[in-house]
PDB file of N, CA and C in Angstrom:
ATOM      1  N   MET A   1      16.351 -30.107  10.410  1.00  0.00           N
ATOM      2  CA  MET A   1      16.238 -30.788  11.688  1.00  0.00           C
ATOM      3  C   MET A   1      15.161 -31.883  11.579  1.00  0.00           C
ATOM      4  N   ILE A   2      15.520 -33.062  12.011  1.00  0.00           N
ATOM      5  CA  ILE A   2      14.615 -34.205  11.983  1.00  0.00           C
ATOM      6  C   ILE A   2      13.691 -34.143  13.204  1.00  0.00           C
ATOM      7  N   THR A   3      12.402 -34.418  12.981  1.00  0.00           N
ATOM      8  CA  THR A   3      11.430 -34.486  14.073  1.00  0.00           C
ATOM      9  C   THR A   3      10.683 -35.816  13.972  1.00  0.00           C
ATOM     10  N   LYS A   4       9.786 -36.053  14.918  1.00  0.00           N
ATOM     11  CA  LYS A   4       8.958 -37.270  14.878  1.00  0.00           C
ATOM     12  C   LYS A   4       8.070 -37.297  13.638  1.00  0.00           C
ATOM     13  N   ASP A   5       7.777 -36.129  13.079  1.00  0.00           N
ATOM     14  CA  ASP A   5       6.883 -36.036  11.917  1.00  0.00           C
ATOM     15  C   ASP A   5       7.599 -36.188  10.575  1.00  0.00           C
ATOM     16  N   THR A   6       8.927 -36.229  10.582  1.00  0.00           N
ATOM     17  CA  THR A   6       9.688 -36.340   9.339  1.00  0.00           C
ATOM     18  C   THR A   6       9.493 -37.734   8.730  1.00  0.00           C
ATOM     19  N   PRO A   7       9.133 -37.810   7.458  1.00  0.00           N
ATOM     20  CA  PRO A   7       8.975 -39.124   6.813  1.00  0.00           C
ATOM     21  C   PRO A   7      10.312 -39.874   6.750  1.00  0.00           C
ATOM     22  N   VAL A   8      10.287 -41.152   7.037  1.00  0.00           N
ATOM     23  CA  VAL A   8      11.500 -41.970   7.023  1.00  0.00           C
ATOM     24  C   VAL A   8      12.122 -41.969   5.621  1.00  0.00           C
ATOM     25  N   GLU A   9      11.294 -42.058   4.596  1.00  0.00           N
ATOM     26  CA  GLU A   9      11.807 -42.042   3.217  1.00  0.00           C
ATOM     27  C   GLU A   9      12.629 -40.782   2.952  1.00  0.00           C
ATOM     28  N   GLU A  10      12.156 -39.651   3.432  1.00  0.00           N
ATOM     29  CA  GLU A  10      12.851 -38.378   3.233  1.00  0.00           C
ATOM     30  C   GLU A  10      14.212 -38.387   3.934  1.00  0.00           C
ATOM     31  N   ILE A  11      14.256 -38.923   5.140  1.00  0.00           N
ATOM     32  CA  ILE A  11      15.516 -38.995   5.892  1.00  0.00           C
ATOM     33  C   ILE A  11      16.542 -39.825   5.117  1.00  0.00           C
ATOM     34  N   LEU A  12      16.111 -40.983   4.635  1.00  0.00           N
ATOM     35  CA  LEU A  12      17.032 -41.873   3.929  1.00  0.00           C
ATOM     36  C   LEU A  12      17.482 -41.295   2.594  1.00  0.00           C
ATOM     37  N   GLN A  13      16.641 -40.489   1.946  1.00  0.00           N
ATOM     38  CA  GLN A  13      17.011 -39.881   0.672  1.00  0.00           C
ATOM     39  C   GLN A  13      17.996 -38.731   0.856  1.00  0.00           C
ATOM     40  N   LYS A  14      17.826 -37.959   1.930  1.00  0.00           N
ATOM     41  CA  LYS A  14      18.629 -36.750   2.126  1.00  0.00           C
ATOM     42  C   LYS A  14      19.938 -36.986   2.873  1.00  0.00           C
ATOM     43  N   TYR A  15      19.967 -37.989   3.739  1.00  0.00           N
ATOM     44  CA  TYR A  15      21.115 -38.145   4.633  1.00  0.00           C
ATOM     45  C   TYR A  15      21.661 -39.570   4.599  1.00  0.00           C
ATOM     46  N   ASP A  16      22.965 -39.686   4.846  1.00  0.00           N
ATOM     47  CA  ASP A  16      23.630 -40.988   4.913  1.00  0.00           C
ATOM     48  C   ASP A  16      23.610 -41.462   6.372  1.00  0.00           C
ATOM     49  N   VAL A  17      22.459 -41.989   6.807  1.00  0.00           N
ATOM     50  CA  VAL A  17      22.284 -42.333   8.218  1.00  0.00           C
ATOM     51  C   VAL A  17      21.812 -43.768   8.441  1.00  0.00           C
ATOM     52  N   LEU A  18      21.841 -44.589   7.405  1.00  0.00           N
ATOM     53  CA  LEU A  18      21.390 -45.974   7.547  1.00  0.00           C
ATOM     54  C   LEU A  18      22.131 -46.682   8.671  1.00  0.00           C
ATOM     55  N   GLU A  19      23.431 -46.466   8.752  1.00  0.00           N
ATOM     56  CA  GLU A  19      24.242 -47.111   9.788  1.00  0.00           C
ATOM     57  C   GLU A  19      23.751 -46.742  11.193  1.00  0.00           C
ATOM     58  N   TYR A  20      23.362 -45.482  11.393  1.00  0.00           N
ATOM     59  CA  TYR A  20      22.850 -45.045  12.705  1.00  0.00           C
ATOM     60  C   TYR A  20      21.603 -45.833  13.084  1.00  0.00           C
ATOM     61  N   PHE A  21      20.689 -45.971  12.137  1.00  0.00           N
ATOM     62  CA  PHE A  21      19.466 -46.734  12.400  1.00  0.00           C
ATOM     63  C   PHE A  21      19.814 -48.162  12.816  1.00  0.00           C
ATOM     64  N   LEU A  22      20.665 -48.807  12.028  1.00  0.00           N
ATOM     65  CA  LEU A  22      20.993 -50.214  12.280  1.00  0.00           C
ATOM     66  C   LEU A  22      21.769 -50.401  13.578  1.00  0.00           C
ATOM     67  N   GLU A  23      22.692 -49.497  13.878  1.00  0.00           N
ATOM     68  CA  GLU A  23      23.452 -49.583  15.135  1.00  0.00           C
ATOM     69  C   GLU A  23      22.536 -49.456  16.350  1.00  0.00           C
ATOM     70  N   ASN A  24      21.422 -48.780  16.171  1.00  0.00           N
ATOM     71  CA  ASN A  24      20.471 -48.579  17.267  1.00  0.00           C
ATOM     72  C   ASN A  24      19.311 -49.563  17.219  1.00  0.00           C
ATOM     73  N   GLY A  25      19.438 -50.597  16.391  1.00  0.00           N
ATOM     74  CA  GLY A  25      18.447 -51.664  16.358  1.00  0.00           C
ATOM     75  C   GLY A  25      17.123 -51.304  15.706  1.00  0.00           C
ATOM     76  N   VAL A  26      17.139 -50.311  14.808  1.00  0.00           N
ATOM     77  CA  VAL A  26      15.907 -49.879  14.147  1.00  0.00           C
ATOM     78  C   VAL A  26      16.096 -49.989  12.634  1.00  0.00           C
ATOM     79  N   SER A  27      15.425 -50.939  12.016  1.00  0.00           N
ATOM     80  CA  SER A  27      15.482 -51.051  10.563  1.00  0.00           C
ATOM     81  C   SER A  27      14.505 -50.050   9.958  1.00  0.00           C
ATOM     82  N   PRO A  28      14.989 -49.169   9.073  1.00  0.00           N
ATOM     83  CA  PRO A  28      14.105 -48.169   8.473  1.00  0.00           C
ATOM     84  C   PRO A  28      13.386 -48.681   7.226  1.00  0.00           C
ATOM     85  N   PHE A  29      13.308 -49.991   7.063  1.00  0.00           N
ATOM     86  CA  PHE A  29      12.707 -50.560   5.860  1.00  0.00           C
ATOM     87  C   PHE A  29      11.473 -51.388   6.179  1.00  0.00           C
ATOM     88  N   SER A  30      10.581 -51.429   5.202  1.00  0.00           N
ATOM     89  CA  SER A  30       9.426 -52.321   5.236  1.00  0.00           C
ATOM     90  C   SER A  30       9.602 -53.279   4.066  1.00  0.00           C
ATOM     91  N   CYS A  31       8.644 -54.123   3.818  1.00  0.00           N
ATOM     92  CA  CYS A  31       8.721 -55.079   2.698  1.00  0.00           C
ATOM     93  C   CYS A  31       8.893 -54.369   1.358  1.00  0.00           C
ATOM     94  N   ALA A  32       8.322 -53.198   1.224  1.00  0.00           N
ATOM     95  CA  ALA A  32       8.297 -52.497  -0.055  1.00  0.00           C
ATOM     96  C   ALA A  32       9.384 -51.436  -0.199  1.00  0.00           C
ATOM     97  N   GLY A  33      10.339 -51.392   0.711  1.00  0.00           N
ATOM     98  CA  GLY A  33      11.396 -50.382   0.638  1.00  0.00           C
ATOM     99  C   GLY A  33      11.450 -49.570   1.912  1.00  0.00           C
ATOM    100  N   ALA A  34      11.790 -48.298   1.781  1.00  0.00           N
ATOM    101  CA  ALA A  34      11.872 -47.430   2.952  1.00  0.00           C
ATOM    102  C   ALA A  34      10.516 -47.354   3.645  1.00  0.00           C
ATOM    103  N   PHE A  35      10.527 -47.297   4.968  1.00  0.00           N
ATOM    104  CA  PHE A  35       9.304 -47.227   5.762  1.00  0.00           C
ATOM    105  C   PHE A  35       8.500 -46.009   5.313  1.00  0.00           C
ATOM    106  N   PRO A  36       7.233 -46.206   4.908  1.00  0.00           N
ATOM    107  CA  PRO A  36       6.462 -45.131   4.266  1.00  0.00           C
ATOM    108  C   PRO A  36       5.731 -44.175   5.202  1.00  0.00           C
ATOM    109  N   GLN A  37       6.125 -44.103   6.468  1.00  0.00           N
ATOM    110  CA  GLN A  37       5.434 -43.215   7.406  1.00  0.00           C
ATOM    111  C   GLN A  37       6.450 -42.353   8.138  1.00  0.00           C
ATOM    112  N   SER A  38       6.007 -41.693   9.194  1.00  0.00           N
ATOM    113  CA  SER A  38       6.878 -40.781   9.936  1.00  0.00           C
ATOM    114  C   SER A  38       7.867 -41.547  10.812  1.00  0.00           C
ATOM    115  N   LEU A  39       8.930 -40.849  11.168  1.00  0.00           N
ATOM    116  CA  LEU A  39       9.931 -41.431  12.055  1.00  0.00           C
ATOM    117  C   LEU A  39       9.311 -41.773  13.404  1.00  0.00           C
ATOM    118  N   GLY A  40       8.436 -40.918  13.900  1.00  0.00           N
ATOM    119  CA  GLY A  40       7.778 -41.180  15.174  1.00  0.00           C
ATOM    120  C   GLY A  40       6.989 -42.475  15.153  1.00  0.00           C
ATOM    121  N   LYS A  41       6.276 -42.720  14.065  1.00  0.00           N
ATOM    122  CA  LYS A  41       5.493 -43.960  13.919  1.00  0.00           C
ATOM    123  C   LYS A  41       6.423 -45.170  13.866  1.00  0.00           C
ATOM    124  N   LEU A  42       7.525 -45.064  13.142  1.00  0.00           N
ATOM    125  CA  LEU A  42       8.494 -46.160  13.068  1.00  0.00           C
ATOM    126  C   LEU A  42       9.045 -46.484  14.449  1.00  0.00           C
ATOM    127  N   LEU A  43       9.431 -45.461  15.199  1.00  0.00           N
ATOM    128  CA  LEU A  43      10.006 -45.686  16.529  1.00  0.00           C
ATOM    129  C   LEU A  43       8.971 -46.281  17.472  1.00  0.00           C
ATOM    130  N   GLU A  44       7.707 -45.903  17.299  1.00  0.00           N
ATOM    131  CA  GLU A  44       6.619 -46.465  18.102  1.00  0.00           C
ATOM    132  C   GLU A  44       6.448 -47.958  17.784  1.00  0.00           C
ATOM    133  N   ILE A  45       6.423 -48.293  16.501  1.00  0.00           N
ATOM    134  CA  ILE A  45       6.255 -49.688  16.082  1.00  0.00           C
ATOM    135  C   ILE A  45       7.427 -50.545  16.550  1.00  0.00           C
ATOM    136  N   LYS A  46       8.636 -49.982  16.491  1.00  0.00           N
ATOM    137  CA  LYS A  46       9.848 -50.724  16.887  1.00  0.00           C
ATOM    138  C   LYS A  46      10.058 -50.717  18.398  1.00  0.00           C
ATOM    139  N   LYS A  47       9.158 -50.066  19.104  1.00  0.00           N
ATOM    140  CA  LYS A  47       9.198 -50.006  20.573  1.00  0.00           C
ATOM    141  C   LYS A  47      10.520 -49.450  21.120  1.00  0.00           C
ATOM    142  N   VAL A  48      10.979 -48.368  20.504  1.00  0.00           N
ATOM    143  CA  VAL A  48      12.176 -47.682  20.976  1.00  0.00           C
ATOM    144  C   VAL A  48      11.841 -47.027  22.307  1.00  0.00           C
ATOM    145  N   LYS A  49      12.640 -47.321  23.331  1.00  0.00           N
ATOM    146  CA  LYS A  49      12.327 -46.858  24.693  1.00  0.00           C
ATOM    147  C   LYS A  49      12.376 -45.347  24.835  1.00  0.00           C
ATOM    148  N   ASP A  50      13.332 -44.699  24.150  1.00  0.00           N
ATOM    149  CA  ASP A  50      13.460 -43.244  24.259  1.00  0.00           C
ATOM    150  C   ASP A  50      13.547 -42.627  22.857  1.00  0.00           C
ATOM    151  N   PRO A  51      12.401 -42.438  22.212  1.00  0.00           N
ATOM    152  CA  PRO A  51      12.406 -41.890  20.850  1.00  0.00           C
ATOM    153  C   PRO A  51      13.086 -40.522  20.750  1.00  0.00           C
ATOM    154  N   ASP A  52      12.925 -39.691  21.772  1.00  0.00           N
ATOM    155  CA  ASP A  52      13.546 -38.363  21.735  1.00  0.00           C
ATOM    156  C   ASP A  52      15.069 -38.471  21.710  1.00  0.00           C
ATOM    157  N   ALA A  53      15.628 -39.397  22.464  1.00  0.00           N
ATOM    158  CA  ALA A  53      17.077 -39.596  22.468  1.00  0.00           C
ATOM    159  C   ALA A  53      17.547 -40.103  21.104  1.00  0.00           C
ATOM    160  N   PHE A  54      16.779 -41.003  20.496  1.00  0.00           N
ATOM    161  CA  PHE A  54      17.118 -41.506  19.159  1.00  0.00           C
ATOM    162  C   PHE A  54      17.151 -40.343  18.163  1.00  0.00           C
ATOM    163  N   ILE A  55      16.129 -39.506  18.186  1.00  0.00           N
ATOM    164  CA  ILE A  55      16.036 -38.380  17.252  1.00  0.00           C
ATOM    165  C   ILE A  55      17.135 -37.361  17.523  1.00  0.00           C
ATOM    166  N   ASN A  56      17.423 -37.085  18.780  1.00  0.00           N
ATOM    167  CA  ASN A  56      18.498 -36.148  19.114  1.00  0.00           C
ATOM    168  C   ASN A  56      19.842 -36.662  18.597  1.00  0.00           C
ATOM    169  N   GLY A  57      20.094 -37.959  18.774  1.00  0.00           N
ATOM    170  CA  GLY A  57      21.328 -38.556  18.280  1.00  0.00           C
ATOM    171  C   GLY A  57      21.420 -38.489  16.767  1.00  0.00           C
ATOM    172  N   LEU A  58      20.300 -38.710  16.103  1.00  0.00           N
ATOM    173  CA  LEU A  58      20.246 -38.643  14.649  1.00  0.00           C
ATOM    174  C   LEU A  58      20.552 -37.225  14.167  1.00  0.00           C
ATOM    175  N   ASN A  59      19.945 -36.232  14.798  1.00  0.00           N
ATOM    176  CA  ASN A  59      20.204 -34.840  14.429  1.00  0.00           C
ATOM    177  C   ASN A  59      21.660 -34.454  14.684  1.00  0.00           C
ATOM    178  N   LYS A  60      22.222 -34.942  15.777  1.00  0.00           N
ATOM    179  CA  LYS A  60      23.626 -34.652  16.099  1.00  0.00           C
ATOM    180  C   LYS A  60      24.543 -35.244  15.030  1.00  0.00           C
ATOM    181  N   LEU A  61      24.271 -36.471  14.615  1.00  0.00           N
ATOM    182  CA  LEU A  61      25.069 -37.124  13.583  1.00  0.00           C
ATOM    183  C   LEU A  61      24.994 -36.343  12.265  1.00  0.00           C
ATOM    184  N   ILE A  62      23.801 -35.942  11.878  1.00  0.00           N
ATOM    185  CA  ILE A  62      23.629 -35.178  10.640  1.00  0.00           C
ATOM    186  C   ILE A  62      24.390 -33.870  10.710  1.00  0.00           C
ATOM    187  N   GLU A  63      24.329 -33.210  11.854  1.00  0.00           N
ATOM    188  CA  GLU A  63      25.046 -31.951  12.031  1.00  0.00           C
ATOM    189  C   GLU A  63      26.553 -32.156  11.918  1.00  0.00           C
ATOM    190  N   GLU A  64      27.060 -33.213  12.550  1.00  0.00           N
ATOM    191  CA  GLU A  64      28.505 -33.505  12.499  1.00  0.00           C
ATOM    192  C   GLU A  64      28.955 -33.814  11.079  1.00  0.00           C
ATOM    193  N   LYS A  65      28.144 -34.567  10.340  1.00  0.00           N
ATOM    194  CA  LYS A  65      28.515 -34.921   8.964  1.00  0.00           C
ATOM    195  C   LYS A  65      28.482 -33.715   8.031  1.00  0.00           C
ATOM    196  N   SER A  66      27.694 -32.702   8.372  1.00  0.00           N
ATOM    197  CA  SER A  66      27.566 -31.546   7.495  1.00  0.00           C
ATOM    198  C   SER A  66      28.697 -30.531   7.700  1.00  0.00           C
ATOM    199  N   GLN A  67      29.498 -30.721   8.719  1.00  0.00           N
ATOM    200  CA  GLN A  67      30.584 -29.781   9.002  1.00  0.00           C
ATOM    201  C   GLN A  67      31.868 -30.171   8.317  1.00  0.00           C
TER     202      GLN A  67
END
């Protein structure tokens, strides 16, 4: 289960979710590659209005893909 504390690099390595990030207007990359901090920090920097909804949607997508 993904939380605000999950590192973005870990999410991108374990799951095929790049499209979800981009569809929701959040690039998970920095100049040097995958964003090197937590998902919560990324969503804060990108000024996502409802970080909990973003994370819930991400977890739902991962669950659906695993079935």
